[in-house]
Amino acid sequence: MPRSKPPATDVREQWLLLDRQLCFALYSSSLAMTRIYKPLLAPLGLTYPQYLVMLVLWELDGPSVSQLGQRLSLDSGTLTPLLKRLESLGHIERRRARDDERRVDIFLTPQGRKLREQALDIPGQLACASACELDEVIALTQRLQQLRQQLNRAADAAA
């Protein structure tokens, strides 16, 4: 049986406790979020990363692959297989841009647009699972977006 250590007396040691780690709270919450989404997305035939791609495309049809990657914070090595799978499912179409054949733009198919209707209840189901009111979800989302921006700025400054 593992032995627990006596309570930390040094404040710096207290910050090393797992339950005080913001990174672990975010990581474990992300895992829980993905677990909640899995059965919600199953009827749509989408994985969580595919759903994120579709969310962006339902907002803006026709972005370039690089714009899509930037919006989702994904590199092309991660994004390309997602796009290929969504294309094979008939939800999107990849087209070379007419003005610059190096650029590939992503467009929804009629089937991809129709899928949006099936997804309309998912945010409400997620809010219900979180036991949060709409204003709490909005405030938490905004705070996490601010945190992401601050962390990105700090990472960029350290690079």
N, C-alpha and C. Protein backbone atom coordinates (compact mmCIF):
# COMPACT_ATOMS: atom_id res chain seq x y z
N MET A 1 0.86 -1.18 0.00
CA MET A 1 0.00 0.00 0.00
C MET A 1 0.89 1.24 0.00
N PRO A 2 0.66 2.18 -0.90
CA PRO A 2 1.48 3.39 -0.93
C PRO A 2 1.29 4.21 0.34
N ARG A 3 2.38 4.81 0.76
CA ARG A 3 2.32 5.69 1.94
C ARG A 3 2.11 7.12 1.49
N SER A 4 1.26 7.82 2.20
CA SER A 4 1.11 9.24 1.89
C SER A 4 2.11 10.02 2.73
N LYS A 5 2.58 11.08 2.13
CA LYS A 5 3.55 11.93 2.82
C LYS A 5 2.83 12.82 3.82
N PRO A 6 3.54 13.30 4.81
CA PRO A 6 2.91 14.26 5.72
C PRO A 6 2.56 15.53 4.95
N PRO A 7 1.57 16.29 5.44
CA PRO A 7 1.17 17.52 4.74
C PRO A 7 2.36 18.45 4.51
N ALA A 8 2.37 19.04 3.33
CA ALA A 8 3.45 19.96 2.97
C ALA A 8 3.35 21.22 3.82
N THR A 9 4.49 21.68 4.29
CA THR A 9 4.51 22.92 5.07
C THR A 9 5.03 24.08 4.24
N ASP A 10 5.90 23.80 3.30
CA ASP A 10 6.42 24.82 2.40
C ASP A 10 5.36 25.12 1.33
N VAL A 11 5.03 26.38 1.12
CA VAL A 11 4.02 26.77 0.15
C VAL A 11 4.36 26.23 -1.23
N ARG A 12 5.64 26.25 -1.57
CA ARG A 12 6.05 25.73 -2.88
C ARG A 12 5.73 24.25 -3.00
N GLU A 13 5.86 23.50 -1.92
CA GLU A 13 5.52 22.08 -1.95
C GLU A 13 4.02 21.89 -2.10
N GLN A 14 3.23 22.77 -1.49
CA GLN A 14 1.78 22.66 -1.61
C GLN A 14 1.33 22.85 -3.06
N TRP A 15 2.08 23.68 -3.80
CA TRP A 15 1.75 23.89 -5.21
C TRP A 15 2.04 22.66 -6.06
N LEU A 16 2.80 21.70 -5.50
CA LEU A 16 3.10 20.48 -6.24
C LEU A 16 2.04 19.39 -6.05
N LEU A 17 1.04 19.65 -5.27
CA LEU A 17 -0.04 18.68 -5.10
C LEU A 17 -0.87 18.60 -6.37
N LEU A 18 -1.19 17.39 -6.78
CA LEU A 18 -1.92 17.18 -8.03
C LEU A 18 -3.23 17.98 -8.08
N ASP A 19 -3.97 17.99 -6.99
CA ASP A 19 -5.25 18.69 -6.98
C ASP A 19 -5.12 20.20 -7.04
N ARG A 20 -3.92 20.71 -6.96
CA ARG A 20 -3.70 22.16 -7.10
C ARG A 20 -3.20 22.52 -8.50
N GLN A 21 -3.06 21.56 -9.36
CA GLN A 21 -2.50 21.79 -10.69
C GLN A 21 -3.60 22.19 -11.67
N LEU A 22 -3.53 23.41 -12.16
CA LEU A 22 -4.47 23.88 -13.16
C LEU A 22 -4.39 22.99 -14.41
N CYS A 23 -3.18 22.62 -14.79
CA CYS A 23 -3.00 21.80 -15.99
C CYS A 23 -3.76 20.48 -15.86
N PHE A 24 -3.71 19.87 -14.68
CA PHE A 24 -4.41 18.59 -14.50
C PHE A 24 -5.92 18.80 -14.48
N ALA A 25 -6.39 19.88 -13.87
CA ALA A 25 -7.82 20.16 -13.87
C ALA A 25 -8.33 20.35 -15.30
N LEU A 26 -7.56 21.05 -16.13
CA LEU A 26 -7.95 21.25 -17.52
C LEU A 26 -7.89 19.94 -18.30
N TYR A 27 -6.82 19.18 -18.11
CA TYR A 27 -6.62 17.91 -18.81
C TYR A 27 -7.74 16.93 -18.46
N SER A 28 -7.99 16.74 -17.17
CA SER A 28 -9.00 15.76 -16.77
C SER A 28 -10.41 16.23 -17.15
N SER A 29 -10.64 17.54 -17.13
CA SER A 29 -11.93 18.06 -17.59
C SER A 29 -12.10 17.84 -19.09
N SER A 30 -11.03 17.99 -19.84
CA SER A 30 -11.08 17.74 -21.27
C SER A 30 -11.42 16.27 -21.56
N LEU A 31 -10.82 15.37 -20.80
CA LEU A 31 -11.14 13.95 -20.97
C LEU A 31 -12.61 13.68 -20.66
N ALA A 32 -13.11 14.27 -19.58
CA ALA A 32 -14.52 14.10 -19.21
C ALA A 32 -15.43 14.68 -20.29
N MET A 33 -15.05 15.82 -20.84
CA MET A 33 -15.84 16.46 -21.89
C MET A 33 -15.92 15.54 -23.11
N THR A 34 -14.80 14.97 -23.50
CA THR A 34 -14.77 14.08 -24.64
C THR A 34 -15.65 12.85 -24.39
N ARG A 35 -15.65 12.33 -23.16
CA ARG A 35 -16.50 11.19 -22.81
C ARG A 35 -17.98 11.55 -22.94
N ILE A 36 -18.35 12.76 -22.57
CA ILE A 36 -19.75 13.20 -22.68
C ILE A 36 -20.15 13.33 -24.15
N TYR A 37 -19.24 13.86 -24.96
CA TYR A 37 -19.56 14.08 -26.37
C TYR A 37 -19.69 12.78 -27.16
N LYS A 38 -18.96 11.75 -26.79
CA LYS A 38 -18.93 10.52 -27.59
C LYS A 38 -20.33 9.98 -27.89
N PRO A 39 -21.19 9.75 -26.88
CA PRO A 39 -22.53 9.24 -27.22
C PRO A 39 -23.42 10.29 -27.91
N LEU A 40 -23.15 11.57 -27.67
CA LEU A 40 -23.94 12.61 -28.33
C LEU A 40 -23.62 12.69 -29.82
N LEU A 41 -22.35 12.41 -30.17
CA LEU A 41 -21.93 12.51 -31.56
C LEU A 41 -22.11 11.21 -32.34
N ALA A 42 -22.29 10.10 -31.62
CA ALA A 42 -22.42 8.80 -32.28
C ALA A 42 -23.54 8.78 -33.33
N PRO A 43 -24.73 9.33 -33.05
CA PRO A 43 -25.78 9.33 -34.08
C PRO A 43 -25.40 10.13 -35.33
N LEU A 44 -24.49 11.07 -35.20
CA LEU A 44 -24.04 11.86 -36.35
C LEU A 44 -22.90 11.17 -37.09
N GLY A 45 -22.33 10.14 -36.46
CA GLY A 45 -21.20 9.44 -37.07
C GLY A 45 -19.92 10.24 -37.03
N LEU A 46 -19.79 11.14 -36.04
CA LEU A 46 -18.62 12.01 -35.94
C LEU A 46 -17.84 11.72 -34.66
N THR A 47 -16.53 11.90 -34.77
CA THR A 47 -15.69 11.93 -33.58
C THR A 47 -15.66 13.37 -33.08
N TYR A 48 -15.16 13.56 -31.87
CA TYR A 48 -15.09 14.92 -31.33
C TYR A 48 -14.24 15.85 -32.20
N PRO A 49 -13.03 15.45 -32.63
CA PRO A 49 -12.26 16.36 -33.51
C PRO A 49 -12.98 16.66 -34.83
N GLN A 50 -13.68 15.67 -35.38
CA GLN A 50 -14.45 15.92 -36.60
C GLN A 50 -15.58 16.91 -36.35
N TYR A 51 -16.20 16.80 -35.20
CA TYR A 51 -17.26 17.73 -34.81
C TYR A 51 -16.73 19.15 -34.73
N LEU A 52 -15.54 19.32 -34.18
CA LEU A 52 -14.94 20.65 -34.10
C LEU A 52 -14.73 21.24 -35.49
N VAL A 53 -14.25 20.42 -36.42
CA VAL A 53 -14.08 20.88 -37.80
C VAL A 53 -15.44 21.31 -38.38
N MET A 54 -16.45 20.50 -38.15
CA MET A 54 -17.78 20.82 -38.69
C MET A 54 -18.32 22.10 -38.06
N LEU A 55 -18.08 22.32 -36.77
CA LEU A 55 -18.53 23.56 -36.14
C LEU A 55 -17.97 24.78 -36.85
N VAL A 56 -16.68 24.73 -37.18
CA VAL A 56 -16.06 25.86 -37.89
C VAL A 56 -16.69 26.02 -39.27
N LEU A 57 -16.89 24.92 -39.97
CA LEU A 57 -17.45 25.00 -41.31
C LEU A 57 -18.91 25.44 -41.31
N TRP A 58 -19.65 25.12 -40.27
CA TRP A 58 -21.03 25.61 -40.17
C TRP A 58 -21.06 27.11 -39.94
N GLU A 59 -19.97 27.66 -39.38
CA GLU A 59 -19.86 29.11 -39.20
C GLU A 59 -19.38 29.79 -40.47
N LEU A 60 -18.42 29.16 -41.15
CA LEU A 60 -17.77 29.76 -42.30
C LEU A 60 -17.47 28.67 -43.32
N ASP A 61 -18.27 28.61 -44.35
CA ASP A 61 -18.08 27.61 -45.40
C ASP A 61 -17.03 28.11 -46.39
N GLY A 62 -16.00 27.31 -46.63
CA GLY A 62 -15.01 27.66 -47.64
C GLY A 62 -13.67 28.17 -47.13
N PRO A 63 -13.31 27.95 -45.85
CA PRO A 63 -11.99 28.42 -45.43
C PRO A 63 -10.90 27.56 -46.04
N SER A 64 -9.70 28.10 -46.05
CA SER A 64 -8.57 27.31 -46.49
C SER A 64 -8.20 26.34 -45.38
N VAL A 65 -7.43 25.31 -45.72
CA VAL A 65 -6.97 24.36 -44.71
C VAL A 65 -6.16 25.08 -43.64
N SER A 66 -5.33 26.03 -44.04
CA SER A 66 -4.52 26.75 -43.04
C SER A 66 -5.40 27.62 -42.13
N GLN A 67 -6.44 28.26 -42.68
CA GLN A 67 -7.36 29.03 -41.84
C GLN A 67 -8.07 28.13 -40.85
N LEU A 68 -8.49 26.98 -41.32
CA LEU A 68 -9.18 26.02 -40.46
C LEU A 68 -8.25 25.54 -39.36
N GLY A 69 -7.02 25.22 -39.72
CA GLY A 69 -6.04 24.78 -38.74
C GLY A 69 -5.76 25.85 -37.70
N GLN A 70 -5.66 27.08 -38.15
CA GLN A 70 -5.42 28.19 -37.23
C GLN A 70 -6.58 28.35 -36.26
N ARG A 71 -7.80 28.27 -36.78
CA ARG A 71 -8.99 28.43 -35.94
C ARG A 71 -9.08 27.34 -34.88
N LEU A 72 -8.65 26.13 -35.23
CA LEU A 72 -8.76 24.98 -34.32
C LEU A 72 -7.46 24.70 -33.56
N SER A 73 -6.42 25.49 -33.82
CA SER A 73 -5.09 25.26 -33.22
C SER A 73 -4.58 23.86 -33.55
N LEU A 74 -4.73 23.47 -34.81
CA LEU A 74 -4.27 22.16 -35.27
C LEU A 74 -3.30 22.34 -36.43
N ASP A 75 -2.25 21.53 -36.46
CA ASP A 75 -1.33 21.59 -37.60
C ASP A 75 -1.88 20.74 -38.74
N SER A 76 -1.33 20.92 -39.92
CA SER A 76 -1.86 20.23 -41.10
C SER A 76 -1.70 18.72 -40.99
N GLY A 77 -0.69 18.25 -40.28
CA GLY A 77 -0.50 16.81 -40.11
C GLY A 77 -1.63 16.17 -39.31
N THR A 78 -2.22 16.93 -38.43
CA THR A 78 -3.37 16.44 -37.64
C THR A 78 -4.67 16.68 -38.40
N LEU A 79 -4.76 17.82 -39.05
CA LEU A 79 -5.99 18.22 -39.72
C LEU A 79 -6.27 17.42 -41.00
N THR A 80 -5.24 17.13 -41.78
CA THR A 80 -5.44 16.46 -43.06
C THR A 80 -6.17 15.12 -42.93
N PRO A 81 -5.78 14.23 -42.00
CA PRO A 81 -6.54 12.98 -41.89
C PRO A 81 -8.01 13.20 -41.48
N LEU A 82 -8.25 14.21 -40.65
CA LEU A 82 -9.63 14.53 -40.27
C LEU A 82 -10.43 14.95 -41.51
N LEU A 83 -9.83 15.79 -42.33
CA LEU A 83 -10.52 16.28 -43.53
C LEU A 83 -10.75 15.15 -44.53
N LYS A 84 -9.76 14.27 -44.68
CA LYS A 84 -9.93 13.13 -45.59
C LYS A 84 -11.09 12.26 -45.15
N ARG A 85 -11.18 12.03 -43.84
CA ARG A 85 -12.27 11.19 -43.32
C ARG A 85 -13.62 11.87 -43.52
N LEU A 86 -13.70 13.17 -43.23
CA LEU A 86 -14.96 13.89 -43.42
C LEU A 86 -15.36 13.91 -44.89
N GLU A 87 -14.36 13.97 -45.77
CA GLU A 87 -14.65 13.94 -47.20
C GLU A 87 -15.16 12.56 -47.60
N SER A 88 -14.55 11.50 -47.06
CA SER A 88 -15.00 10.14 -47.39
C SER A 88 -16.40 9.87 -46.86
N LEU A 89 -16.77 10.56 -45.78
CA LEU A 89 -18.13 10.43 -45.23
C LEU A 89 -19.15 11.24 -46.02
N GLY A 90 -18.66 12.09 -46.92
CA GLY A 90 -19.55 12.89 -47.76
C GLY A 90 -19.98 14.21 -47.17
N HIS A 91 -19.29 14.65 -46.09
CA HIS A 91 -19.68 15.89 -45.42
C HIS A 91 -18.99 17.14 -45.97
N ILE A 92 -17.81 16.97 -46.54
CA ILE A 92 -17.06 18.12 -47.05
C ILE A 92 -16.47 17.79 -48.41
N GLU A 93 -16.01 18.85 -49.06
CA GLU A 93 -15.30 18.73 -50.32
C GLU A 93 -14.07 19.62 -50.24
N ARG A 94 -12.92 19.08 -50.62
CA ARG A 94 -11.69 19.87 -50.66
C ARG A 94 -11.46 20.28 -52.11
N ARG A 95 -11.19 21.58 -52.31
CA ARG A 95 -10.96 22.10 -53.66
C ARG A 95 -9.73 22.99 -53.68
N ARG A 96 -8.96 22.88 -54.72
CA ARG A 96 -7.84 23.80 -54.93
C ARG A 96 -8.42 25.18 -55.25
N ALA A 97 -7.82 26.20 -54.66
CA ALA A 97 -8.28 27.57 -54.92
C ALA A 97 -7.96 27.95 -56.36
N ARG A 98 -8.85 28.67 -56.99
CA ARG A 98 -8.63 29.08 -58.39
C ARG A 98 -7.51 30.10 -58.50
N ASP A 99 -7.41 30.98 -57.50
CA ASP A 99 -6.41 32.05 -57.58
C ASP A 99 -5.03 31.63 -57.08
N ASP A 100 -4.95 30.48 -56.39
CA ASP A 100 -3.67 30.00 -55.87
C ASP A 100 -3.77 28.50 -55.67
N GLU A 101 -3.26 27.73 -56.62
CA GLU A 101 -3.44 26.28 -56.56
C GLU A 101 -2.71 25.62 -55.41
N ARG A 102 -1.85 26.37 -54.71
CA ARG A 102 -1.21 25.81 -53.51
C ARG A 102 -2.18 25.73 -52.34
N ARG A 103 -3.23 26.56 -52.40
CA ARG A 103 -4.21 26.62 -51.30
C ARG A 103 -5.36 25.66 -51.56
N VAL A 104 -5.74 24.94 -50.52
CA VAL A 104 -6.90 24.05 -50.58
C VAL A 104 -7.98 24.63 -49.69
N ASP A 105 -9.16 24.82 -50.26
CA ASP A 105 -10.30 25.34 -49.52
C ASP A 105 -11.27 24.20 -49.20
N ILE A 106 -11.97 24.35 -48.09
CA ILE A 106 -12.87 23.31 -47.61
C ILE A 106 -14.32 23.82 -47.68
N PHE A 107 -15.17 23.03 -48.30
CA PHE A 107 -16.58 23.39 -48.46
C PHE A 107 -17.48 22.28 -47.95
N LEU A 108 -18.60 22.68 -47.37
CA LEU A 108 -19.60 21.72 -46.94
C LEU A 108 -20.34 21.18 -48.17
N THR A 109 -20.70 19.92 -48.10
CA THR A 109 -21.59 19.35 -49.10
C THR A 109 -23.02 19.55 -48.59
N PRO A 110 -24.02 19.31 -49.42
CA PRO A 110 -25.40 19.38 -48.90
C PRO A 110 -25.60 18.46 -47.68
N GLN A 111 -24.98 17.31 -47.72
CA GLN A 111 -25.06 16.37 -46.58
C GLN A 111 -24.41 16.98 -45.34
N GLY A 112 -23.29 17.67 -45.51
CA GLY A 112 -22.62 18.32 -44.38
C GLY A 112 -23.45 19.44 -43.79
N ARG A 113 -24.16 20.19 -44.66
CA ARG A 113 -25.04 21.25 -44.18
C ARG A 113 -26.22 20.65 -43.41
N LYS A 114 -26.75 19.54 -43.92
CA LYS A 114 -27.89 18.88 -43.29
C LYS A 114 -27.51 18.32 -41.91
N LEU A 115 -26.27 17.90 -41.76
CA LEU A 115 -25.79 17.34 -40.49
C LEU A 115 -25.92 18.37 -39.37
N ARG A 116 -25.82 19.64 -39.71
CA ARG A 116 -25.95 20.72 -38.72
C ARG A 116 -27.28 20.63 -37.99
N GLU A 117 -28.33 20.32 -38.72
CA GLU A 117 -29.67 20.21 -38.11
C GLU A 117 -29.68 19.12 -37.04
N GLN A 118 -28.99 18.03 -37.29
CA GLN A 118 -28.93 16.93 -36.32
C GLN A 118 -28.12 17.32 -35.08
N ALA A 119 -27.24 18.30 -35.23
CA ALA A 119 -26.35 18.69 -34.13
C ALA A 119 -26.93 19.79 -33.25
N LEU A 120 -28.07 20.34 -33.62
CA LEU A 120 -28.61 21.51 -32.91
C LEU A 120 -28.84 21.29 -31.42
N ASP A 121 -29.18 20.08 -31.02
CA ASP A 121 -29.48 19.83 -29.61
C ASP A 121 -28.25 19.48 -28.78
N ILE A 122 -27.13 19.26 -29.41
CA ILE A 122 -25.93 18.82 -28.67
C ILE A 122 -25.47 19.85 -27.64
N PRO A 123 -25.35 21.14 -27.96
CA PRO A 123 -24.92 22.10 -26.93
C PRO A 123 -25.82 22.11 -25.70
N GLY A 124 -27.12 22.00 -25.90
CA GLY A 124 -28.05 21.97 -24.78
C GLY A 124 -27.88 20.73 -23.92
N GLN A 125 -27.62 19.60 -24.58
CA GLN A 125 -27.39 18.35 -23.85
C GLN A 125 -26.11 18.44 -23.04
N LEU A 126 -25.11 19.07 -23.60
CA LEU A 126 -23.86 19.24 -22.88
C LEU A 126 -24.05 20.16 -21.68
N ALA A 127 -24.77 21.25 -21.87
CA ALA A 127 -25.04 22.17 -20.76
C ALA A 127 -25.78 21.45 -19.64
N CYS A 128 -26.73 20.62 -20.01
CA CYS A 128 -27.47 19.84 -19.01
C CYS A 128 -26.53 18.90 -18.26
N ALA A 129 -25.64 18.22 -18.97
CA ALA A 129 -24.69 17.30 -18.33
C ALA A 129 -23.74 18.04 -17.40
N SER A 130 -23.43 19.29 -17.72
CA SER A 130 -22.50 20.06 -16.89
C SER A 130 -23.17 20.63 -15.65
N ALA A 131 -24.50 20.57 -15.61
CA ALA A 131 -25.28 21.12 -14.49
C ALA A 131 -24.99 22.60 -14.30
N CYS A 132 -24.72 23.29 -15.40
CA CYS A 132 -24.46 24.73 -15.37
C CYS A 132 -25.58 25.46 -16.09
N GLU A 133 -25.87 26.64 -15.63
CA GLU A 133 -26.81 27.52 -16.33
C GLU A 133 -26.09 28.11 -17.53
N LEU A 134 -26.85 28.60 -18.49
CA LEU A 134 -26.27 29.17 -19.70
C LEU A 134 -25.27 30.27 -19.39
N ASP A 135 -25.60 31.17 -18.46
CA ASP A 135 -24.68 32.26 -18.15
C ASP A 135 -23.38 31.74 -17.53
N GLU A 136 -23.45 30.65 -16.78
CA GLU A 136 -22.24 30.04 -16.21
C GLU A 136 -21.36 29.45 -17.31
N VAL A 137 -22.00 28.77 -18.26
CA VAL A 137 -21.26 28.17 -19.38
C VAL A 137 -20.57 29.27 -20.19
N ILE A 138 -21.29 30.35 -20.45
CA ILE A 138 -20.72 31.46 -21.22
C ILE A 138 -19.55 32.08 -20.47
N ALA A 139 -19.72 32.34 -19.18
CA ALA A 139 -18.65 32.96 -18.38
C ALA A 139 -17.42 32.05 -18.30
N LEU A 140 -17.64 30.76 -18.09
CA LEU A 140 -16.52 29.82 -18.01
C LEU A 140 -15.79 29.73 -19.35
N THR A 141 -16.56 29.67 -20.42
CA THR A 141 -15.96 29.61 -21.76
C THR A 141 -15.12 30.86 -22.04
N GLN A 142 -15.66 32.03 -21.71
CA GLN A 142 -14.91 33.28 -21.92
C GLN A 142 -13.64 33.30 -21.08
N ARG A 143 -13.72 32.85 -19.85
CA ARG A 143 -12.54 32.85 -18.98
C ARG A 143 -11.47 31.89 -19.51
N LEU A 144 -11.89 30.73 -20.01
CA LEU A 144 -10.93 29.78 -20.57
C LEU A 144 -10.32 30.31 -21.86
N GLN A 145 -11.09 31.03 -22.65
CA GLN A 145 -10.53 31.65 -23.86
C GLN A 145 -9.49 32.70 -23.49
N GLN A 146 -9.76 33.48 -22.45
CA GLN A 146 -8.77 34.46 -21.98
C GLN A 146 -7.51 33.75 -21.48
N LEU A 147 -7.70 32.69 -20.74
CA LEU A 147 -6.56 31.93 -20.22
C LEU A 147 -5.73 31.38 -21.38
N ARG A 148 -6.39 30.83 -22.40
CA ARG A 148 -5.67 30.31 -23.56
C ARG A 148 -4.85 31.42 -24.22
N GLN A 149 -5.43 32.60 -24.38
CA GLN A 149 -4.71 33.71 -25.00
C GLN A 149 -3.51 34.11 -24.16
N GLN A 150 -3.68 34.19 -22.85
CA GLN A 150 -2.58 34.56 -21.97
C GLN A 150 -1.46 33.52 -22.02
N LEU A 151 -1.83 32.26 -22.01
CA LEU A 151 -0.81 31.20 -22.07
C LEU A 151 -0.10 31.20 -23.42
N ASN A 152 -0.84 31.44 -24.50
CA ASN A 152 -0.21 31.52 -25.82
C ASN A 152 0.77 32.68 -25.90
N ARG A 153 0.38 33.83 -25.34
CA ARG A 153 1.29 34.97 -25.34
C ARG A 153 2.56 34.65 -24.55
N ALA A 154 2.39 34.02 -23.39
CA ALA A 154 3.55 33.66 -22.57
C ALA A 154 4.44 32.65 -23.29
N ALA A 155 3.84 31.68 -23.95
CA ALA A 155 4.62 30.68 -24.69
C ALA A 155 5.36 31.33 -25.85
N ASP A 156 4.69 32.24 -26.56
CA ASP A 156 5.34 32.94 -27.67
C ASP A 156 6.51 33.79 -27.17
N ALA A 157 6.33 34.45 -26.03
CA ALA A 157 7.39 35.30 -25.48
C ALA A 157 8.58 34.45 -25.03
N ALA A 158 8.33 33.24 -24.57
CA ALA A 158 9.40 32.37 -24.10
C ALA A 158 10.15 31.70 -25.24
N ALA A 159 9.52 31.66 -26.42
CA ALA A 159 10.13 30.97 -27.57
C ALA A 159 11.25 31.76 -28.20
